[in-house]
Structure formats: structure tokens, C-alpha cells
Amino acid sequence: MFNSYKKLEKWQKSLIRLSILVTVVFVALGWYTKVQLDTLSANVAALSSNLAILESKFSSTTATLVNSINQNNNSLNNALNQQIQSSAVIAQQLGNYQQQVSTVSSTVSTLQKLSNTDQQLLQKYSKVFFLNEYYAPAKLAAIPGAYEYSETKQLTLQADVWTHLQKLIDDAKSAGVTMYVQSAYRSFNEQSALKSDYKVIYGSGTANSFAADQGYSEHQLGTTVDMIAPGQGGNLDGFDTTKAYTWLLANAYRYGFTLSYPKDNKFYVYEPWHWRFVGIKLATDLRNQGKNFYDLDQRTIDTYLVNFFDIQ
């Protein structure tokens, strides 16, 4: 019995020691856990602080970077705009330069044309300016016999003018209208002789009303013709009653010809047969404006000289 009591007592002591040990272990484990948790909490707090610092730095850096990018974009845009403006200015300057070059080239071309064009061709000669006795067209072309009214005398005309007149006569014929050249270029001496004959036949007063003195006749220019139609018996009078005259009134300007002495002109009697080449542009403007060649100021007429032989 006693031995059993001893064993129980011994076992109780062992249990107590075990309990104490377990308690110590739990206490130690609790303390260790607490220490670890405190450390972990401290680390988490440190990490949170560091993260906040990093976020702040990142935010600041990002803002700085965005600001820098925006500034660079603004600088690039400004530079690009300046470049565009500079390019526009350069383009405008280049355009102005090209226009100036074009203007100069056009002026040079005009001057070259004028230098090769007889300055006398658009002068107003009848009782206004004198054409001296030494003047003659630079180049005369013989008018073929098929275009002349009379075969007894060879007629000539300024070569470039003949090109226009030939087309006029041919086109009229195609339209069923026949006409011929009765008179064309006359020299100073030929005009003098003709005027003398008229004075003998008609008297000075009458002759002066329809025939120019030598040096004042448009015929001396080689740009003027007297036209005649079949059925007139070789006389110029009555030409304004023919189909040829009607056709010329409607179409002569297309070929550069105008009627020098229409009704009520200030220089000579009405001459419906007397047609002068003044260039297509001037002839067209005269017709459109309802004016006659001798109605214009000489300075206005001179502006047409450069286009004298142009074909429109």
C-alpha cells in the first residue's frame, strides 16, 4: 500500500514538472511569437514607410518626367511652327522671285519681239504722221495672180500680212464669197504719181478728199489693200453693196483687218474697199468696242504692236 502511494506521489510530481515544463514552453513560445510579431510589424511598418517614400519619389519623378516631356513637346511644336513659318516665308520669297523672273523673262521676250517688229506698222499716217520717202517694208511677198483682180501688174504685200490676207480670201471663198485684191503696197513714188494723176483728172480739191499725198498713205506700209468683187467692172465704187463687203464687215477682224475710213471719218471720204491689217487683237478690240483705228490715241495703239502678228 505504501509502495503504491509512493508511486502515485512520484507520478504526481512528474505530472507537475511536466505541467510546469509545458507552461514554460507555452510562455516561451508566446513570448517568441510576440517578439516575432513585433518584429514583423516593425518590418511591415518600415516597408510601408519605404513604400510611401518610393511612391512619393515615383510620383515626383513621374511629374517631373511628364513636365519635361510636355516642355519638350512644346519646344518641338514651337520649333516646328517656326520651321513651317520659315518655310512659308521662303516659299513666298521663292514665289516672288519666280514671279519676278517670269516678269523679267516676259519683258525681255516682249522687248525682243518689239526689236524685231517694224515700229511704223501701227502709226497713224493719214494726215497725221509722215512716212518718209525711203521707207519700205522689210519683206514683201508677191500676191499670186489667182488673188489679184488685174493680171497686168504684180501686186506685193508685207509677207506676214499676206499670210493673214490669203487665209481671209480663202475662207471667204469657202463660204461662197469671192473677192480680189485690187491694190496693195505702193511706194512713196508710186503714191506721188497716183496722186498727180488724180489731181489732173478730178482736181486738187476732190483728189485730196479721197487720195493721200505721198508719205501719208497706208499703202506705203505694205499692210493695206483695196478689195474688189466680181461684177463691179473694175471700179471700187459700189463695193459696199456686194456680198464681199458684208462678209468683211462680219469677219475681217478675225484675220486682223479693219476698215480704215468708214462713214463719217475725219480723214477721207468713205472707202468701204480700203482694209488695213492692224493685228488680230487690235482689230478684235476695235470691233468689240465699236471704235475705229483713227479714234484711238497713238499711245493706246502702240501697246498692240508687240502682238501685231500673233495668231489667236
C-alpha atoms as a PDB file:
ATOM      1  CA  MET A   1       0.000   0.000   0.000  1.00  0.00           C
ATOM      2  CA  PHE A   2       2.727   2.246   0.935  1.00  0.00           C
ATOM      3  CA  ASN A   3       4.572   1.470  -2.229  1.00  0.00           C
ATOM      4  CA  SER A   4       1.526   2.338  -4.266  1.00  0.00           C
ATOM      5  CA  TYR A   5       1.254   5.612  -2.514  1.00  0.00           C
ATOM      6  CA  LYS A   6       4.868   6.311  -3.269  1.00  0.00           C
ATOM      7  CA  LYS A   7       4.390   5.580  -6.947  1.00  0.00           C
ATOM      8  CA  LEU A   8       1.333   7.852  -7.084  1.00  0.00           C
ATOM      9  CA  GLU A   9       3.211  10.605  -5.405  1.00  0.00           C
ATOM     10  CA  LYS A  10       6.096  10.159  -7.773  1.00  0.00           C
ATOM     11  CA  TRP A  11       3.789  10.222 -10.724  1.00  0.00           C
ATOM     12  CA  GLN A  12       2.095  13.381  -9.479  1.00  0.00           C
ATOM     13  CA  LYS A  13       5.427  15.094  -9.135  1.00  0.00           C
ATOM     14  CA  SER A  14       6.344  14.062 -12.634  1.00  0.00           C
ATOM     15  CA  LEU A  15       2.999  15.411 -13.870  1.00  0.00           C
ATOM     16  CA  ILE A  16       3.541  18.675 -12.035  1.00  0.00           C
ATOM     17  CA  ARG A  17       7.007  19.010 -13.544  1.00  0.00           C
ATOM     18  CA  LEU A  18       5.566  18.231 -16.953  1.00  0.00           C
ATOM     19  CA  SER A  19       2.867  20.836 -16.460  1.00  0.00           C
ATOM     20  CA  ILE A  20       5.416  23.375 -15.393  1.00  0.00           C
ATOM     21  CA  LEU A  21       7.547  22.475 -18.403  1.00  0.00           C
ATOM     22  CA  VAL A  22       4.610  22.747 -20.739  1.00  0.00           C
ATOM     23  CA  THR A  23       3.659  26.068 -19.181  1.00  0.00           C
ATOM     24  CA  VAL A  24       7.209  27.335 -19.555  1.00  0.00           C
ATOM     25  CA  VAL A  25       7.282  26.130 -23.119  1.00  0.00           C
ATOM     26  CA  PHE A  26       3.963  27.853 -23.904  1.00  0.00           C
ATOM     27  CA  VAL A  27       5.110  31.006 -22.153  1.00  0.00           C
ATOM     28  CA  ALA A  28       8.380  30.950 -24.055  1.00  0.00           C
ATOM     29  CA  LEU A  29       6.578  30.188 -27.272  1.00  0.00           C
ATOM     30  CA  GLY A  30       4.164  33.044 -26.616  1.00  0.00           C
ATOM     31  CA  TRP A  31       6.977  35.404 -25.895  1.00  0.00           C
ATOM     32  CA  TYR A  32       8.864  34.299 -29.007  1.00  0.00           C
ATOM     33  CA  THR A  33       5.742  34.654 -31.110  1.00  0.00           C
ATOM     34  CA  LYS A  34       5.137  38.106 -29.710  1.00  0.00           C
ATOM     35  CA  VAL A  35       8.713  39.112 -30.439  1.00  0.00           C
ATOM     36  CA  GLN A  36       8.413  37.796 -33.986  1.00  0.00           C
ATOM     37  CA  LEU A  37       5.096  39.537 -34.476  1.00  0.00           C
ATOM     38  CA  ASP A  38       6.511  42.795 -33.128  1.00  0.00           C
ATOM     39  CA  THR A  39       9.491  42.426 -35.431  1.00  0.00           C
ATOM     40  CA  LEU A  40       7.232  41.589 -38.341  1.00  0.00           C
ATOM     41  CA  SER A  41       5.017  44.546 -37.528  1.00  0.00           C
ATOM     42  CA  ALA A  42       8.054  46.780 -37.340  1.00  0.00           C
ATOM     43  CA  ASN A  43       9.261  45.425 -40.668  1.00  0.00           C
ATOM     44  CA  VAL A  44       5.826  45.904 -42.214  1.00  0.00           C
ATOM     45  CA  ALA A  45       5.728  49.457 -40.880  1.00  0.00           C
ATOM     46  CA  ALA A  46       9.205  50.074 -42.270  1.00  0.00           C
ATOM     47  CA  LEU A  47       8.201  48.604 -45.597  1.00  0.00           C
ATOM     48  CA  SER A  48       5.064  50.748 -45.638  1.00  0.00           C
ATOM     49  CA  SER A  49       7.146  53.805 -44.875  1.00  0.00           C
ATOM     50  CA  ASN A  50       9.649  52.913 -47.566  1.00  0.00           C
ATOM     51  CA  LEU A  51       6.806  52.236 -49.999  1.00  0.00           C
ATOM     52  CA  ALA A  52       5.283  55.623 -49.205  1.00  0.00           C
ATOM     53  CA  ILE A  53       8.680  57.232 -49.750  1.00  0.00           C
ATOM     54  CA  LEU A  54       9.099  55.351 -53.032  1.00  0.00           C
ATOM     55  CA  GLU A  55       5.597  56.287 -54.136  1.00  0.00           C
ATOM     56  CA  SER A  56       6.296  59.916 -53.294  1.00  0.00           C
ATOM     57  CA  LYS A  57       9.604  59.825 -55.140  1.00  0.00           C
ATOM     58  CA  PHE A  58       7.998  57.991 -58.077  1.00  0.00           C
ATOM     59  CA  SER A  59       5.145  60.477 -58.182  1.00  0.00           C
ATOM     60  CA  SER A  60       7.574  63.388 -58.059  1.00  0.00           C
ATOM     61  CA  THR A  61       9.801  61.777 -60.678  1.00  0.00           C
ATOM     62  CA  THR A  62       6.785  60.998 -62.870  1.00  0.00           C
ATOM     63  CA  ALA A  63       5.509  64.561 -62.558  1.00  0.00           C
ATOM     64  CA  THR A  64       8.970  65.881 -63.401  1.00  0.00           C
ATOM     65  CA  LEU A  65       9.219  63.498 -66.350  1.00  0.00           C
ATOM     66  CA  VAL A  66       5.735  64.427 -67.636  1.00  0.00           C
ATOM     67  CA  ASN A  67       6.543  68.113 -67.234  1.00  0.00           C
ATOM     68  CA  SER A  68       9.818  67.586 -69.068  1.00  0.00           C
ATOM     69  CA  ILE A  69       8.044  65.700 -71.851  1.00  0.00           C
ATOM     70  CA  ASN A  70       5.432  68.458 -72.146  1.00  0.00           C
ATOM     71  CA  GLN A  71       8.139  71.105 -72.261  1.00  0.00           C
ATOM     72  CA  ASN A  72       9.995  69.140 -74.926  1.00  0.00           C
ATOM     73  CA  ASN A  73       6.776  68.750 -76.908  1.00  0.00           C
ATOM     74  CA  ASN A  74       6.116  72.461 -76.635  1.00  0.00           C
ATOM     75  CA  SER A  75       9.666  73.206 -77.711  1.00  0.00           C
ATOM     76  CA  LEU A  76       9.350  70.803 -80.647  1.00  0.00           C
ATOM     77  CA  ASN A  77       5.990  72.274 -81.636  1.00  0.00           C
ATOM     78  CA  ASN A  78       7.386  75.792 -81.415  1.00  0.00           C
ATOM     79  CA  ALA A  79      10.404  74.760 -83.448  1.00  0.00           C
ATOM     80  CA  LEU A  80       8.166  73.028 -85.976  1.00  0.00           C
ATOM     81  CA  ASN A  81       5.866  76.059 -86.232  1.00  0.00           C
ATOM     82  CA  GLN A  82       8.867  78.315 -86.691  1.00  0.00           C
ATOM     83  CA  GLN A  83      10.174  75.958 -89.356  1.00  0.00           C
ATOM     84  CA  ILE A  84       6.786  75.931 -91.075  1.00  0.00           C
ATOM     85  CA  GLN A  85       6.611  79.728 -90.901  1.00  0.00           C
ATOM     86  CA  SER A  86      10.163  79.970 -92.186  1.00  0.00           C
ATOM     87  CA  SER A  87       9.322  77.540 -94.976  1.00  0.00           C
ATOM     88  CA  ALA A  88       6.226  79.572 -95.826  1.00  0.00           C
ATOM     89  CA  VAL A  89       8.292  82.766 -95.906  1.00  0.00           C
ATOM     90  CA  ILE A  90      10.930  81.055 -98.045  1.00  0.00           C
ATOM     91  CA  ALA A  91       8.216  79.660-100.336  1.00  0.00           C
ATOM     92  CA  GLN A  92       6.651  83.119-100.627  1.00  0.00           C
ATOM     93  CA  GLN A  93      10.025  84.682-101.308  1.00  0.00           C
ATOM     94  CA  LEU A  94      10.751  81.971-103.849  1.00  0.00           C
ATOM     95  CA  GLY A  95       7.347  82.538-105.445  1.00  0.00           C
ATOM     96  CA  ASN A  96       8.009  86.278-105.571  1.00  0.00           C
ATOM     97  CA  TYR A  97      11.418  85.613-107.064  1.00  0.00           C
ATOM     98  CA  GLN A  98       9.958  83.235-109.657  1.00  0.00           C
ATOM     99  CA  GLN A  99       7.283  85.805-110.464  1.00  0.00           C
ATOM    100  CA  GLN A 100       9.951  88.472-110.842  1.00  0.00           C
ATOM    101  CA  VAL A 101      11.981  86.159-113.069  1.00  0.00           C
ATOM    102  CA  SER A 102       8.843  85.391-115.089  1.00  0.00           C
ATOM    103  CA  THR A 103       8.068  89.098-115.358  1.00  0.00           C
ATOM    104  CA  VAL A 104      11.626  89.882-116.423  1.00  0.00           C
ATOM    105  CA  SER A 105      11.560  86.997-118.916  1.00  0.00           C
ATOM    106  CA  SER A 106       8.249  88.223-120.278  1.00  0.00           C
ATOM    107  CA  THR A 107       9.628  91.753-120.527  1.00  0.00           C
ATOM    108  CA  VAL A 108      12.755  90.513-122.296  1.00  0.00           C
ATOM    109  CA  SER A 109      10.608  88.456-124.665  1.00  0.00           C
ATOM    110  CA  THR A 110       8.413  91.483-125.331  1.00  0.00           C
ATOM    111  CA  LEU A 111      11.434  93.675-125.962  1.00  0.00           C
ATOM    112  CA  GLN A 112      12.874  91.062-128.307  1.00  0.00           C
ATOM    113  CA  LYS A 113       9.596  90.911-130.230  1.00  0.00           C
ATOM    114  CA  LEU A 114       9.436  94.695-130.402  1.00  0.00           C
ATOM    115  CA  SER A 115      13.033  94.912-131.576  1.00  0.00           C
ATOM    116  CA  ASN A 116      12.143  92.609-134.465  1.00  0.00           C
ATOM    117  CA  THR A 117       8.896  94.394-135.315  1.00  0.00           C
ATOM    118  CA  ASP A 118       8.700  97.405-137.597  1.00  0.00           C
ATOM    119  CA  GLN A 119       7.812 100.333-135.325  1.00  0.00           C
ATOM    120  CA  GLN A 120       5.993 102.090-138.182  1.00  0.00           C
ATOM    121  CA  LEU A 121       3.295  99.440-138.651  1.00  0.00           C
ATOM    122  CA  LEU A 122       0.747 100.899-136.236  1.00  0.00           C
ATOM    123  CA  GLN A 123       1.433 104.577-136.707  1.00  0.00           C
ATOM    124  CA  LYS A 124      -1.485 106.804-137.728  1.00  0.00           C
ATOM    125  CA  TYR A 125      -0.262 108.239-141.032  1.00  0.00           C
ATOM    126  CA  SER A 126      -3.225 109.672-142.874  1.00  0.00           C
ATOM    127  CA  LYS A 127      -2.911 113.457-142.429  1.00  0.00           C
ATOM    128  CA  VAL A 128      -1.253 112.833-139.056  1.00  0.00           C
ATOM    129  CA  PHE A 129       2.291 111.491-139.414  1.00  0.00           C
ATOM    130  CA  PHE A 130       4.608 111.498-142.361  1.00  0.00           C
ATOM    131  CA  LEU A 131       6.172 108.310-143.732  1.00  0.00           C
ATOM    132  CA  ASN A 132       9.430 109.303-145.375  1.00  0.00           C
ATOM    133  CA  GLU A 133      10.284 108.548-148.971  1.00  0.00           C
ATOM    134  CA  TYR A 134      12.928 105.976-148.026  1.00  0.00           C
ATOM    135  CA  TYR A 135      10.588 103.766-146.055  1.00  0.00           C
ATOM    136  CA  ALA A 136       9.736 100.347-147.452  1.00  0.00           C
ATOM    137  CA  PRO A 137       8.555  97.163-145.727  1.00  0.00           C
ATOM    138  CA  ALA A 138      11.389  94.893-144.639  1.00  0.00           C
ATOM    139  CA  LYS A 139       9.982  91.949-146.603  1.00  0.00           C
ATOM    140  CA  LEU A 140       7.410  91.959-149.353  1.00  0.00           C
ATOM    141  CA  ALA A 141       5.616  88.944-150.787  1.00  0.00           C
ATOM    142  CA  ALA A 142       4.216  88.726-154.285  1.00  0.00           C
ATOM    143  CA  ILE A 143       0.465  88.150-154.324  1.00  0.00           C
ATOM    144  CA  PRO A 144      -0.353  85.185-156.589  1.00  0.00           C
ATOM    145  CA  GLY A 145      -2.307  86.026-159.734  1.00  0.00           C
ATOM    146  CA  ALA A 146      -5.320  83.990-158.615  1.00  0.00           C
ATOM    147  CA  TYR A 147      -5.870  86.531-155.827  1.00  0.00           C
ATOM    148  CA  GLU A 148      -5.385  89.678-157.964  1.00  0.00           C
ATOM    149  CA  TYR A 149      -8.160  91.433-159.830  1.00  0.00           C
ATOM    150  CA  SER A 150      -5.865  92.542-162.639  1.00  0.00           C
ATOM    151  CA  GLU A 151      -3.135  90.455-164.199  1.00  0.00           C
ATOM    152  CA  THR A 152      -1.365  93.454-165.752  1.00  0.00           C
ATOM    153  CA  LYS A 153       0.547  94.424-162.622  1.00  0.00           C
ATOM    154  CA  GLN A 154       2.285  92.335-159.975  1.00  0.00           C
ATOM    155  CA  LEU A 155       0.984  93.301-156.534  1.00  0.00           C
ATOM    156  CA  THR A 156       3.023  92.870-153.347  1.00  0.00           C
ATOM    157  CA  LEU A 157       2.230  92.959-149.634  1.00  0.00           C
ATOM    158  CA  GLN A 158       4.142  92.719-146.373  1.00  0.00           C
ATOM    159  CA  ALA A 159       4.898  88.979-146.165  1.00  0.00           C
ATOM    160  CA  ASP A 160       3.339  88.277-142.768  1.00  0.00           C
ATOM    161  CA  VAL A 161       0.256  90.319-143.649  1.00  0.00           C
ATOM    162  CA  TRP A 162      -0.178  88.335-146.860  1.00  0.00           C
ATOM    163  CA  THR A 163      -0.376  85.126-144.807  1.00  0.00           C
ATOM    164  CA  HIS A 164      -3.405  86.534-142.953  1.00  0.00           C
ATOM    165  CA  LEU A 165      -4.995  88.013-146.085  1.00  0.00           C
ATOM    166  CA  GLN A 166      -4.642  84.796-148.056  1.00  0.00           C
ATOM    167  CA  LYS A 167      -6.454  82.885-145.321  1.00  0.00           C
ATOM    168  CA  LEU A 168      -9.171  85.573-145.264  1.00  0.00           C
ATOM    169  CA  ILE A 169      -9.779  85.318-149.019  1.00  0.00           C
ATOM    170  CA  ASP A 170      -9.694  81.508-148.983  1.00  0.00           C
ATOM    171  CA  ASP A 171     -12.136  81.271-146.058  1.00  0.00           C
ATOM    172  CA  ALA A 172     -14.472  83.765-147.727  1.00  0.00           C
ATOM    173  CA  LYS A 173     -14.404  81.702-150.913  1.00  0.00           C
ATOM    174  CA  SER A 174     -15.224  78.575-148.907  1.00  0.00           C
ATOM    175  CA  ALA A 175     -18.246  80.480-147.585  1.00  0.00           C
ATOM    176  CA  GLY A 176     -19.347  81.265-151.161  1.00  0.00           C
ATOM    177  CA  VAL A 177     -17.995  84.840-151.251  1.00  0.00           C
ATOM    178  CA  THR A 178     -15.465  85.860-153.915  1.00  0.00           C
ATOM    179  CA  MET A 179     -13.184  88.871-153.656  1.00  0.00           C
ATOM    180  CA  TYR A 180      -9.883  90.006-155.114  1.00  0.00           C
ATOM    181  CA  VAL A 181      -7.043  92.389-154.286  1.00  0.00           C
ATOM    182  CA  GLN A 182      -7.265  95.479-156.495  1.00  0.00           C
ATOM    183  CA  SER A 183      -4.373  97.415-154.890  1.00  0.00           C
ATOM    184  CA  ALA A 184      -1.770  96.638-152.235  1.00  0.00           C
ATOM    185  CA  TYR A 185       1.703  98.042-151.480  1.00  0.00           C
ATOM    186  CA  ARG A 186       2.547 101.342-153.113  1.00  0.00           C
ATOM    187  CA  SER A 187       5.900 103.048-152.757  1.00  0.00           C
ATOM    188  CA  PHE A 188       6.387 106.739-151.995  1.00  0.00           C
ATOM    189  CA  ASN A 189       6.990 107.485-155.652  1.00  0.00           C
ATOM    190  CA  GLU A 190       4.053 105.381-156.854  1.00  0.00           C
ATOM    191  CA  GLN A 191       1.742 107.243-154.469  1.00  0.00           C
ATOM    192  CA  SER A 192       3.123 110.571-155.702  1.00  0.00           C
ATOM    193  CA  ALA A 193       2.455 109.630-159.311  1.00  0.00           C
ATOM    194  CA  LEU A 194      -1.032 108.337-158.488  1.00  0.00           C
ATOM    195  CA  LYS A 195      -1.928 111.486-156.591  1.00  0.00           C
ATOM    196  CA  SER A 196      -0.733 113.644-159.503  1.00  0.00           C
ATOM    197  CA  ASP A 197      -2.946 111.681-161.894  1.00  0.00           C
ATOM    198  CA  TYR A 198      -5.951 112.118-159.599  1.00  0.00           C
ATOM    199  CA  LYS A 199      -5.355 115.868-159.417  1.00  0.00           C
ATOM    200  CA  VAL A 200      -5.320 116.095-163.195  1.00  0.00           C
ATOM    201  CA  ILE A 201      -8.470 114.012-163.535  1.00  0.00           C
ATOM    202  CA  TYR A 202     -10.535 115.259-160.559  1.00  0.00           C
ATOM    203  CA  GLY A 203      -8.871 118.495-159.474  1.00  0.00           C
ATOM    204  CA  SER A 204      -6.830 119.061-156.319  1.00  0.00           C
ATOM    205  CA  GLY A 205      -9.777 119.606-154.006  1.00  0.00           C
ATOM    206  CA  THR A 206     -11.571 116.426-154.969  1.00  0.00           C
ATOM    207  CA  ALA A 207      -8.379 114.386-155.155  1.00  0.00           C
ATOM    208  CA  ASN A 208      -7.425 115.439-151.632  1.00  0.00           C
ATOM    209  CA  SER A 209     -10.706 114.109-150.308  1.00  0.00           C
ATOM    210  CA  PHE A 210     -10.009 110.515-151.279  1.00  0.00           C
ATOM    211  CA  ALA A 211      -6.294 110.163-152.045  1.00  0.00           C
ATOM    212  CA  ALA A 212      -3.396 110.635-149.639  1.00  0.00           C
ATOM    213  CA  ASP A 213      -0.283 112.539-150.517  1.00  0.00           C
ATOM    214  CA  GLN A 214       2.932 110.575-150.819  1.00  0.00           C
ATOM    215  CA  GLY A 215       4.237 109.728-147.355  1.00  0.00           C
ATOM    216  CA  TYR A 216       0.760 109.723-145.823  1.00  0.00           C
ATOM    217  CA  SER A 217      -0.709 106.673-147.489  1.00  0.00           C
ATOM    218  CA  GLU A 218      -1.281 103.478-145.541  1.00  0.00           C
ATOM    219  CA  HIS A 219      -0.480 101.571-148.728  1.00  0.00           C
ATOM    220  CA  GLN A 220       3.203 102.504-148.338  1.00  0.00           C
ATOM    221  CA  LEU A 221       3.288 100.358-145.170  1.00  0.00           C
ATOM    222  CA  GLY A 222       2.524  97.224-147.182  1.00  0.00           C
ATOM    223  CA  THR A 223      -0.193  96.329-144.686  1.00  0.00           C
ATOM    224  CA  THR A 224      -3.169  97.763-146.584  1.00  0.00           C
ATOM    225  CA  VAL A 225      -5.226  96.546-149.517  1.00  0.00           C
ATOM    226  CA  ASP A 226      -8.123  97.749-151.642  1.00  0.00           C
ATOM    227  CA  MET A 227     -10.578  94.887-152.183  1.00  0.00           C
ATOM    228  CA  ILE A 228     -12.911  94.448-155.137  1.00  0.00           C
ATOM    229  CA  ALA A 229     -15.640  91.960-156.007  1.00  0.00           C
ATOM    230  CA  PRO A 230     -16.747  90.448-159.332  1.00  0.00           C
ATOM    231  CA  GLY A 231     -19.389  92.410-161.195  1.00  0.00           C
ATOM    232  CA  GLN A 232     -18.056  95.873-160.320  1.00  0.00           C
ATOM    233  CA  GLY A 233     -16.471  96.390-163.730  1.00  0.00           C
ATOM    234  CA  GLY A 234     -13.119  97.180-162.139  1.00  0.00           C
ATOM    235  CA  ASN A 235     -14.499 100.142-160.188  1.00  0.00           C
ATOM    236  CA  LEU A 236     -14.167 100.392-156.414  1.00  0.00           C
ATOM    237  CA  ASP A 237     -17.353 102.403-156.073  1.00  0.00           C
ATOM    238  CA  GLY A 238     -20.250 100.213-155.066  1.00  0.00           C
ATOM    239  CA  PHE A 239     -18.140  97.728-153.149  1.00  0.00           C
ATOM    240  CA  ASP A 240     -20.328  98.283-150.079  1.00  0.00           C
ATOM    241  CA  THR A 241     -23.269  96.776-151.981  1.00  0.00           C
ATOM    242  CA  THR A 242     -21.511  93.446-152.511  1.00  0.00           C
ATOM    243  CA  LYS A 243     -21.572  90.206-150.528  1.00  0.00           C
ATOM    244  CA  ALA A 244     -17.803  90.597-150.168  1.00  0.00           C
ATOM    245  CA  TYR A 245     -18.192  93.831-148.191  1.00  0.00           C
ATOM    246  CA  THR A 246     -20.888  92.332-145.962  1.00  0.00           C
ATOM    247  CA  TRP A 247     -18.681  89.333-145.272  1.00  0.00           C
ATOM    248  CA  LEU A 248     -15.687  91.549-144.460  1.00  0.00           C
ATOM    249  CA  LEU A 249     -17.700  93.639-142.004  1.00  0.00           C
ATOM    250  CA  ALA A 250     -18.635  90.466-140.133  1.00  0.00           C
ATOM    251  CA  ASN A 251     -15.347  88.582-140.366  1.00  0.00           C
ATOM    252  CA  ALA A 252     -12.329  90.729-141.322  1.00  0.00           C
ATOM    253  CA  TYR A 253     -11.371  91.338-137.671  1.00  0.00           C
ATOM    254  CA  ARG A 254     -10.813  87.592-137.219  1.00  0.00           C
ATOM    255  CA  TYR A 255      -7.864  87.903-139.592  1.00  0.00           C
ATOM    256  CA  GLY A 256      -6.548  91.205-138.198  1.00  0.00           C
ATOM    257  CA  PHE A 257      -8.081  93.640-140.712  1.00  0.00           C
ATOM    258  CA  THR A 258     -10.119  96.777-140.018  1.00  0.00           C
ATOM    259  CA  LEU A 259     -11.822  99.358-142.197  1.00  0.00           C
ATOM    260  CA  SER A 260      -9.618 102.466-142.096  1.00  0.00           C
ATOM    261  CA  TYR A 261     -12.109 105.018-143.423  1.00  0.00           C
ATOM    262  CA  PRO A 262     -15.701 104.163-142.500  1.00  0.00           C
ATOM    263  CA  LYS A 263     -18.584 106.565-142.893  1.00  0.00           C
ATOM    264  CA  ASP A 264     -18.172 109.933-141.199  1.00  0.00           C
ATOM    265  CA  ASN A 265     -14.435 109.521-140.519  1.00  0.00           C
ATOM    266  CA  LYS A 266     -12.331 112.669-140.097  1.00  0.00           C
ATOM    267  CA  PHE A 267      -9.724 111.987-142.772  1.00  0.00           C
ATOM    268  CA  TYR A 268     -11.082 110.869-146.119  1.00  0.00           C
ATOM    269  CA  VAL A 269     -14.303 110.028-147.871  1.00  0.00           C
ATOM    270  CA  TYR A 270     -15.949 106.740-147.030  1.00  0.00           C
ATOM    271  CA  GLU A 271     -13.822 103.920-148.504  1.00  0.00           C
ATOM    272  CA  PRO A 272     -15.503 100.548-147.949  1.00  0.00           C
ATOM    273  CA  TRP A 273     -12.840  98.825-150.070  1.00  0.00           C
ATOM    274  CA  HIS A 274      -9.857 100.063-148.030  1.00  0.00           C
ATOM    275  CA  TRP A 275      -8.812  97.491-145.386  1.00  0.00           C
ATOM    276  CA  ARG A 276      -5.727  97.718-143.207  1.00  0.00           C
ATOM    277  CA  PHE A 277      -4.070  94.961-141.203  1.00  0.00           C
ATOM    278  CA  VAL A 278      -3.625  96.033-137.562  1.00  0.00           C
ATOM    279  CA  GLY A 279      -3.263  92.616-135.902  1.00  0.00           C
ATOM    280  CA  ILE A 280      -5.987  90.271-134.673  1.00  0.00           C
ATOM    281  CA  LYS A 281      -6.011  91.584-131.095  1.00  0.00           C
ATOM    282  CA  LEU A 282      -6.428  95.252-132.013  1.00  0.00           C
ATOM    283  CA  ALA A 283      -8.903  94.514-134.807  1.00  0.00           C
ATOM    284  CA  THR A 284     -10.975  92.407-132.407  1.00  0.00           C
ATOM    285  CA  ASP A 285     -10.934  95.076-129.688  1.00  0.00           C
ATOM    286  CA  LEU A 286     -11.931  97.772-132.195  1.00  0.00           C
ATOM    287  CA  ARG A 287     -14.907  95.716-133.318  1.00  0.00           C
ATOM    288  CA  ASN A 288     -15.998  94.778-129.787  1.00  0.00           C
ATOM    289  CA  GLN A 289     -15.749  98.403-128.632  1.00  0.00           C
ATOM    290  CA  GLY A 290     -17.404  99.846-131.726  1.00  0.00           C
ATOM    291  CA  LYS A 291     -14.384 102.052-132.456  1.00  0.00           C
ATOM    292  CA  ASN A 292     -12.278 102.877-135.492  1.00  0.00           C
ATOM    293  CA  PHE A 293      -8.497 102.765-135.708  1.00  0.00           C
ATOM    294  CA  TYR A 294      -8.173 106.546-136.001  1.00  0.00           C
ATOM    295  CA  ASP A 295     -10.398 107.093-132.977  1.00  0.00           C
ATOM    296  CA  LEU A 296      -7.705 105.733-130.652  1.00  0.00           C
ATOM    297  CA  ASP A 297      -4.863 107.667-129.076  1.00  0.00           C
ATOM    298  CA  GLN A 298      -1.485 106.752-130.544  1.00  0.00           C
ATOM    299  CA  ARG A 299      -0.147 105.669-127.154  1.00  0.00           C
ATOM    300  CA  THR A 300      -3.020 103.193-126.857  1.00  0.00           C
ATOM    301  CA  ILE A 301      -2.373 101.890-130.353  1.00  0.00           C
ATOM    302  CA  ASP A 302       1.322 101.406-129.598  1.00  0.00           C
ATOM    303  CA  THR A 303       0.533  98.866-126.854  1.00  0.00           C
ATOM    304  CA  TYR A 304      -0.740  96.468-129.534  1.00  0.00           C
ATOM    305  CA  LEU A 305       2.462  96.451-131.561  1.00  0.00           C
ATOM    306  CA  VAL A 306       4.002  93.535-129.647  1.00  0.00           C
ATOM    307  CA  ASN A 307       1.003  91.337-130.624  1.00  0.00           C
ATOM    308  CA  PHE A 308       0.884  92.586-134.204  1.00  0.00           C
ATOM    309  CA  PHE A 309       1.484  89.275-135.979  1.00  0.00           C
ATOM    310  CA  ASP A 310       0.173  86.938-133.251  1.00  0.00           C
ATOM    311  CA  ILE A 311      -2.276  84.305-134.434  1.00  0.00           C
ATOM    312  CA  GLN A 312      -5.061  83.792-131.891  1.00  0.00           C
END
